């Protein structure tokens, strides 16, 4: 069976020669959204490399095409409050994402936060003076703040981008920024009592977190679909399926009545909140029978095992040393 992605109309011009494998439920959603939705807006004079979708009156879903081999397209999310806006994740750092967000926010101050430390979510951080992230990923994010960190992922041996459709000069130059370590439950005040809460959802990284808009119920959950233990991890106890399960259960117990929809960092968004319970169920199965997996895959030379998540169109990925 051919698992290569079927084309979706792409007006952004980005061509990744090694895209992520197609996932059927994601493809259907993205096909309809990107080719037929009247919500799509583009701003070529500000940032020609993204698509912006105004999903709610004050909530923008920003599509960033993948420019890293083997990685998927990324969603950034912008919540516009009465006085300030909050940008959640900055993708690969291509184009003027900050300028676009300031435009979409009507000139209001834009705060920047990351769901976790991985390269496809932090590339545009250098456009901001200050970035907020969960305390268990903060030190690692500071470690990654070097001039050649992003280029090591996005450029080939010849020093040119591995993806096509943009000049190298449109990769944002390195600039150091302040990293603010946030505890679980940290509140972002966007003015007049408009609050967004950081909710720890460990597993994918030690500090992987979601951001709950307490007014709309949108829960921006980042990459909550794998437990990976990175080399040199300071907090390995939080990089497990068990830790993921415990955080998901805690989030449901505390916020279950507030959550109106889930907004992952990749693929389909505005998922039904019951999906969190389906994720808990998948964790429970893995913890009980880690050797009874649905498939085994290679990911950047690592053996990953997968367990399907009911009605999610995706799966939980784990290594045998990250079950917990």
Protein backbone atom coordinates (compact mmCIF):
# COMPACT_ATOMS: atom_id res chain seq x y z
CA UNK A 1 0.00 0.00 0.00
CA UNK A 2 1.31 3.45 -0.95
CA UNK A 3 1.57 5.58 2.23
CA UNK A 4 2.96 8.67 0.52
CA UNK A 5 0.89 11.81 1.11
CA UNK A 6 -1.68 12.79 -1.49
CA UNK A 7 -1.29 16.42 -2.51
CA UNK A 8 -3.32 19.20 -0.94
CA UNK A 9 -3.39 22.50 -2.80
CA UNK A 10 -0.53 24.56 -1.46
CA UNK A 11 -0.42 28.27 -2.23
CA UNK A 12 2.44 28.85 0.22
CA UNK A 13 5.02 27.39 -2.12
CA UNK A 14 6.78 25.28 0.51
CA UNK A 15 7.91 21.86 -0.71
CA UNK A 16 9.28 19.38 1.84
CA UNK A 17 10.98 16.54 -0.05
CA UNK A 18 10.56 14.19 2.94
CA UNK A 19 7.11 14.93 4.40
CA UNK A 20 5.47 13.08 7.25
CA UNK A 21 3.46 10.01 6.23
CA UNK A 22 -0.19 10.69 5.54
CA UNK A 23 -2.71 9.99 8.32
CA UNK A 24 -6.19 9.45 6.84
CA UNK A 25 -8.24 11.45 9.35
CA UNK A 26 -5.81 14.34 9.26
CA UNK A 27 -5.71 14.38 5.47
CA UNK A 28 -9.49 14.67 5.14
CA UNK A 29 -9.68 17.51 7.65
CA UNK A 30 -6.77 19.41 6.10
CA UNK A 31 -8.03 18.87 2.56
CA UNK A 32 -11.38 20.47 3.33
CA UNK A 33 -9.94 23.20 5.56
CA UNK A 34 -7.12 24.35 3.30
CA UNK A 35 -8.85 23.99 -0.07
CA UNK A 36 -12.49 24.81 0.65
CA UNK A 37 -12.84 26.76 3.91
CA UNK A 38 -13.77 30.44 3.68
CA UNK A 39 -12.05 30.98 7.05
CA UNK A 40 -8.59 30.94 5.49
CA UNK A 41 -6.73 34.23 5.37
CA UNK A 42 -3.26 34.91 4.02
CA UNK A 43 -1.04 37.92 4.53
CA UNK A 44 1.76 37.70 1.96
CA UNK A 45 3.01 41.22 2.75
CA UNK A 46 3.60 40.23 6.41
CA UNK A 47 4.26 36.50 6.48
CA UNK A 48 3.86 34.67 3.16
CA UNK A 49 4.54 31.24 4.71
CA UNK A 50 1.48 30.67 6.89
CA UNK A 51 -2.30 30.44 6.65
CA UNK A 52 -4.47 32.01 9.37
CA UNK A 53 -7.92 30.67 10.29
CA UNK A 54 -10.17 32.72 12.56
CA UNK A 55 -11.82 29.81 14.34
CA UNK A 56 -13.53 31.89 17.02
CA UNK A 57 -14.00 35.63 17.39
CA UNK A 58 -10.70 35.94 19.27
CA UNK A 59 -8.95 32.66 18.40
CA UNK A 60 -6.67 32.21 15.40
CA UNK A 61 -5.29 28.86 14.22
CA UNK A 62 -2.09 29.50 12.27
CA UNK A 63 -0.92 26.80 9.87
CA UNK A 64 2.85 26.44 9.45
CA UNK A 65 4.01 24.03 6.70
CA UNK A 66 6.82 21.70 7.66
CA UNK A 67 10.30 22.69 6.53
CA UNK A 68 12.09 19.92 8.46
CA UNK A 69 12.53 16.52 6.85
CA UNK A 70 10.32 13.86 8.39
CA UNK A 71 8.33 16.29 10.55
CA UNK A 72 4.72 17.28 10.13
CA UNK A 73 3.03 20.62 9.59
CA UNK A 74 2.53 22.60 12.80
CA UNK A 75 -0.29 24.64 14.29
CA UNK A 76 0.39 27.80 16.26
CA UNK A 77 -2.53 29.36 18.10
CA UNK A 78 -3.21 33.00 18.91
CA UNK A 79 -5.67 33.97 21.66
CA UNK A 80 -6.55 37.67 21.61
CA UNK A 81 -7.66 39.06 24.95
CA UNK A 82 -9.02 42.51 25.84
CA UNK A 83 -5.54 43.97 26.45
CA UNK A 84 -2.97 41.38 25.36
CA UNK A 85 -2.71 38.33 23.13
CA UNK A 86 -1.02 34.98 23.72
CA UNK A 87 0.79 33.10 20.94
CA UNK A 88 1.15 29.39 21.64
CA UNK A 89 4.13 27.84 19.78
CA UNK A 90 6.23 29.40 17.03
CA UNK A 91 6.87 26.47 14.64
CA UNK A 92 10.10 26.52 12.62
CA UNK A 93 10.93 30.22 12.61
CA UNK A 94 10.20 31.00 8.97
CA UNK A 95 8.82 34.42 8.10
CA UNK A 96 7.51 37.22 10.31
CA UNK A 97 5.20 35.29 12.64
CA UNK A 98 5.41 37.99 15.32
CA UNK A 99 4.43 40.70 12.86
CA UNK A 100 1.48 38.66 11.68
CA UNK A 101 0.28 38.01 15.25
CA UNK A 102 0.55 41.69 16.13
CA UNK A 103 -1.54 42.45 13.05
CA UNK A 104 -4.17 39.83 13.90
CA UNK A 105 -4.26 41.11 17.49
CA UNK A 106 -4.94 44.66 16.32
CA UNK A 107 -1.64 46.00 17.61
CA UNK A 108 -1.97 44.59 21.13
CA UNK A 109 1.07 43.23 22.94
CA UNK A 110 1.68 39.58 22.03
CA UNK A 111 2.99 37.25 24.72
CA UNK A 112 4.76 34.09 23.52
CA UNK A 113 4.58 30.64 25.11
CA UNK A 114 5.67 27.12 24.12
CA UNK A 115 3.85 23.87 24.79
CA UNK A 116 7.26 22.16 24.92
CA UNK A 117 10.91 22.44 23.90
CA UNK A 118 10.99 20.59 20.56
CA UNK A 119 12.44 22.21 17.46
CA UNK A 120 9.20 22.34 15.46
CA UNK A 121 7.50 24.40 18.19
CA UNK A 122 10.18 26.89 19.23
CA UNK A 123 11.87 28.08 16.03
CA UNK A 124 10.24 31.51 15.99
CA UNK A 125 10.98 32.22 19.65
CA UNK A 126 13.88 34.42 18.60
CA UNK A 127 11.37 37.01 17.37
CA UNK A 128 10.35 37.70 20.99
CA UNK A 129 12.16 39.18 23.98
CA UNK A 130 10.56 36.74 26.44
CA UNK A 131 9.12 33.23 26.10
CA UNK A 132 7.11 31.29 28.69
CA UNK A 133 7.37 27.50 29.07
CA UNK A 134 6.74 24.89 31.76
CA UNK A 135 9.48 24.80 34.41
CA UNK A 136 10.56 21.25 33.49
CA UNK A 137 11.45 22.27 29.91
CA UNK A 138 12.86 25.72 30.71
CA UNK A 139 16.48 24.70 31.30
CA UNK A 140 16.54 22.58 28.15
CA UNK A 141 15.13 25.47 26.12
CA UNK A 142 17.93 27.69 27.44
CA UNK A 143 20.47 25.02 26.45
CA UNK A 144 19.06 25.06 22.91
CA UNK A 145 19.47 28.83 22.62
CA UNK A 146 22.55 28.75 20.39
CA UNK A 147 23.18 30.31 16.96
CA UNK A 148 23.33 26.97 15.15
CA UNK A 149 20.58 25.01 16.93
CA UNK A 150 17.78 25.59 14.40
CA UNK A 151 20.08 25.49 11.38
CA UNK A 152 21.30 22.03 12.39
CA UNK A 153 17.75 20.77 11.78
CA UNK A 154 16.64 22.93 8.85
CA UNK A 155 19.77 23.13 6.68
CA UNK A 156 21.50 20.39 4.75
CA UNK A 157 25.21 19.62 4.51
CA UNK A 158 25.49 22.28 1.80
CA UNK A 159 24.20 24.92 4.22
CA UNK A 160 20.97 25.39 2.27
CA UNK A 161 17.41 24.63 3.43
CA UNK A 162 16.37 21.02 2.92
CA UNK A 163 12.84 22.20 2.06
CA UNK A 164 12.18 24.32 -1.01
CA UNK A 165 10.07 27.37 -1.78
CA UNK A 166 11.72 30.06 0.35
CA UNK A 167 15.06 31.87 0.49
CA UNK A 168 17.44 31.04 3.30
CA UNK A 169 17.32 34.72 4.29
CA UNK A 170 13.69 34.27 5.44
CA UNK A 171 14.79 31.98 8.26
CA UNK A 172 14.75 34.25 11.30
CA UNK A 173 18.27 35.13 12.51
CA UNK A 174 19.30 33.93 15.95
CA UNK A 175 18.78 36.30 18.85
CA UNK A 176 18.83 35.37 22.55
CA UNK A 177 15.65 35.82 24.58
CA UNK A 178 14.53 35.43 28.18
CA UNK A 179 13.03 32.06 29.15
CA UNK A 180 10.41 32.26 31.90
CA UNK A 181 9.88 28.98 33.78
CA UNK A 182 6.20 28.50 34.66
CA UNK A 183 4.74 26.06 37.20
CA UNK A 184 1.65 23.98 36.61
CA UNK A 185 -1.38 26.23 36.98
CA UNK A 186 0.39 29.42 35.87
CA UNK A 187 -2.15 32.03 34.76
CA UNK A 188 -1.72 34.36 31.79
CA UNK A 189 -3.83 37.47 32.29
CA UNK A 190 -4.84 38.92 28.93
CA UNK A 191 -6.71 41.80 30.53
CA UNK A 192 -10.06 42.41 32.26
CA UNK A 193 -9.98 38.99 33.93
CA UNK A 194 -9.40 37.05 30.69
CA UNK A 195 -7.30 34.06 31.81
CA UNK A 196 -5.39 31.28 30.07
CA UNK A 197 -4.00 28.56 32.36
CA UNK A 198 -0.91 26.41 31.78
CA UNK A 199 -1.77 22.75 32.47
CA UNK A 200 1.08 20.24 32.81
CA UNK A 201 0.60 17.29 30.39
CA UNK A 202 3.96 15.52 30.67
CA UNK A 203 5.17 12.55 28.66
CA UNK A 204 6.21 13.83 25.25
CA UNK A 205 8.73 15.96 27.12
CA UNK A 206 9.08 16.54 30.85
CA UNK A 207 7.49 19.98 30.56
CA UNK A 208 4.97 19.34 27.78
CA UNK A 209 1.91 21.41 28.72
CA UNK A 210 -1.44 22.55 27.44
CA UNK A 211 -2.95 26.02 27.64
CA UNK A 212 -6.61 26.27 28.65
CA UNK A 213 -8.53 29.34 27.56
CA UNK A 214 -10.91 29.57 30.50
CA UNK A 215 -13.35 31.77 28.56
CA UNK A 216 -13.82 29.80 25.32
CA UNK A 217 -12.90 26.31 26.61
CA UNK A 218 -10.25 25.87 23.91
CA UNK A 219 -7.50 23.59 25.25
CA UNK A 220 -4.27 23.86 23.25
CA UNK A 221 -2.51 20.59 24.08
CA UNK A 222 0.68 20.56 21.98
CA UNK A 223 2.13 17.08 21.35
CA UNK A 224 0.42 14.82 23.87
CA UNK A 225 0.72 11.67 21.78
CA UNK A 226 4.08 10.18 22.69
CA UNK A 227 6.39 9.52 25.62
CA UNK A 228 10.01 10.03 24.66
CA UNK A 229 13.08 10.08 26.87
CA UNK A 230 15.57 12.47 25.28
CA UNK A 231 19.29 12.03 25.94
CA UNK A 232 20.41 14.13 28.89
CA UNK A 233 16.88 14.73 30.15
CA UNK A 234 16.94 16.38 33.60
CA UNK A 235 13.52 15.10 34.64
CA UNK A 236 13.16 11.56 33.22
CA UNK A 237 10.36 10.72 35.67
CA UNK A 238 8.08 13.01 33.63
CA UNK A 239 8.90 11.43 30.27
CA UNK A 240 6.79 8.31 30.74
CA UNK A 241 3.40 6.94 29.81
CA UNK A 242 2.61 6.70 33.53
CA UNK A 243 3.34 10.38 34.05
CA UNK A 244 1.28 11.24 30.98
CA UNK A 245 -1.63 9.20 32.33
CA UNK A 246 -1.43 10.88 35.72
CA UNK A 247 -1.36 14.39 34.21
CA UNK A 248 -4.28 13.65 31.89
CA UNK A 249 -6.34 12.29 34.78
CA UNK A 250 -5.52 15.36 36.88
CA UNK A 251 -6.47 17.68 34.01
CA UNK A 252 -9.80 15.92 33.56
CA UNK A 253 -10.57 16.02 37.26
CA UNK A 254 -9.75 19.73 37.59
CA UNK A 255 -10.86 21.10 34.21
CA UNK A 256 -13.18 18.53 32.67
CA UNK A 257 -16.22 20.80 32.87
CA UNK A 258 -14.31 23.76 31.40
CA UNK A 259 -12.85 22.10 28.29
CA UNK A 260 -14.82 22.69 25.12
CA UNK A 261 -12.41 21.40 22.48
CA UNK A 262 -8.86 20.12 22.00
CA UNK A 263 -6.33 21.84 19.76
CA UNK A 264 -3.21 19.70 19.18
CA UNK A 265 0.04 20.96 17.69
CA UNK A 266 -0.43 18.82 14.58
CA UNK A 267 -3.33 17.54 12.50
CA UNK A 268 -7.02 17.88 13.25
CA UNK A 269 -8.13 20.44 15.81
CA UNK A 270 -11.29 21.25 17.79
CA UNK A 271 -11.51 17.61 18.87
CA UNK A 272 -14.23 16.56 21.30
CA UNK A 273 -13.07 16.79 24.95
CA UNK A 274 -13.83 13.07 25.46
CA UNK A 275 -10.65 12.47 23.45
CA UNK A 276 -8.70 13.15 26.65
CA UNK A 277 -10.39 10.14 28.25
CA UNK A 278 -9.58 8.05 25.18
CA UNK A 279 -5.93 9.08 25.64
CA UNK A 280 -6.09 7.99 29.29
CA UNK A 281 -7.54 4.65 28.18
CA UNK A 282 -4.68 4.13 25.72
CA UNK A 283 -2.17 4.90 28.47
CA UNK A 284 -3.81 2.33 30.74
CA UNK A 285 -3.55 -0.36 28.07
CA UNK A 286 0.14 0.41 27.48
CA UNK A 287 0.90 0.34 31.21
CA UNK A 288 -0.82 -3.02 31.58
CA UNK A 289 0.62 -4.62 28.44
CA UNK A 290 3.53 -2.61 26.94
CA UNK A 291 4.53 -5.56 24.79
CA UNK A 292 1.08 -5.76 23.14
CA UNK A 293 1.46 -2.85 20.75
CA UNK A 294 -0.34 -2.10 17.49
CA UNK A 295 2.79 -1.40 15.45
CA UNK A 296 6.52 -0.81 15.67
CA UNK A 297 8.09 2.03 13.72
CA UNK A 298 11.46 3.68 13.21
CA UNK A 299 11.65 7.38 14.12
CA UNK A 300 15.01 9.12 13.78
CA UNK A 301 16.78 5.77 14.35
CA UNK A 302 14.71 4.95 17.45
CA UNK A 303 12.31 2.05 17.88
CA UNK A 304 8.86 3.38 18.76
CA UNK A 305 5.84 1.30 19.66
CA UNK A 306 2.31 2.53 19.05
CA UNK A 307 -1.13 2.03 20.56
CA UNK A 308 -4.08 3.50 18.69
CA UNK A 309 -6.18 6.16 20.43
CA UNK A 310 -9.88 5.52 19.94
CA UNK A 311 -11.48 7.99 17.50
CA UNK A 312 -8.40 10.21 17.45
CA UNK A 313 -7.01 9.13 14.10
CA UNK A 314 -3.60 8.90 15.75
CA UNK A 315 -1.77 6.84 18.35
CA UNK A 316 0.37 6.97 21.47
CA UNK A 317 4.02 6.33 20.73
CA UNK A 318 6.46 5.10 23.32
CA UNK A 319 9.77 3.39 23.87
CA UNK A 320 10.04 0.44 26.24
CA UNK A 321 12.14 2.51 28.65
CA UNK A 322 9.50 5.28 28.77
CA UNK A 323 6.54 3.25 29.97
CA UNK A 324 7.20 3.95 33.67
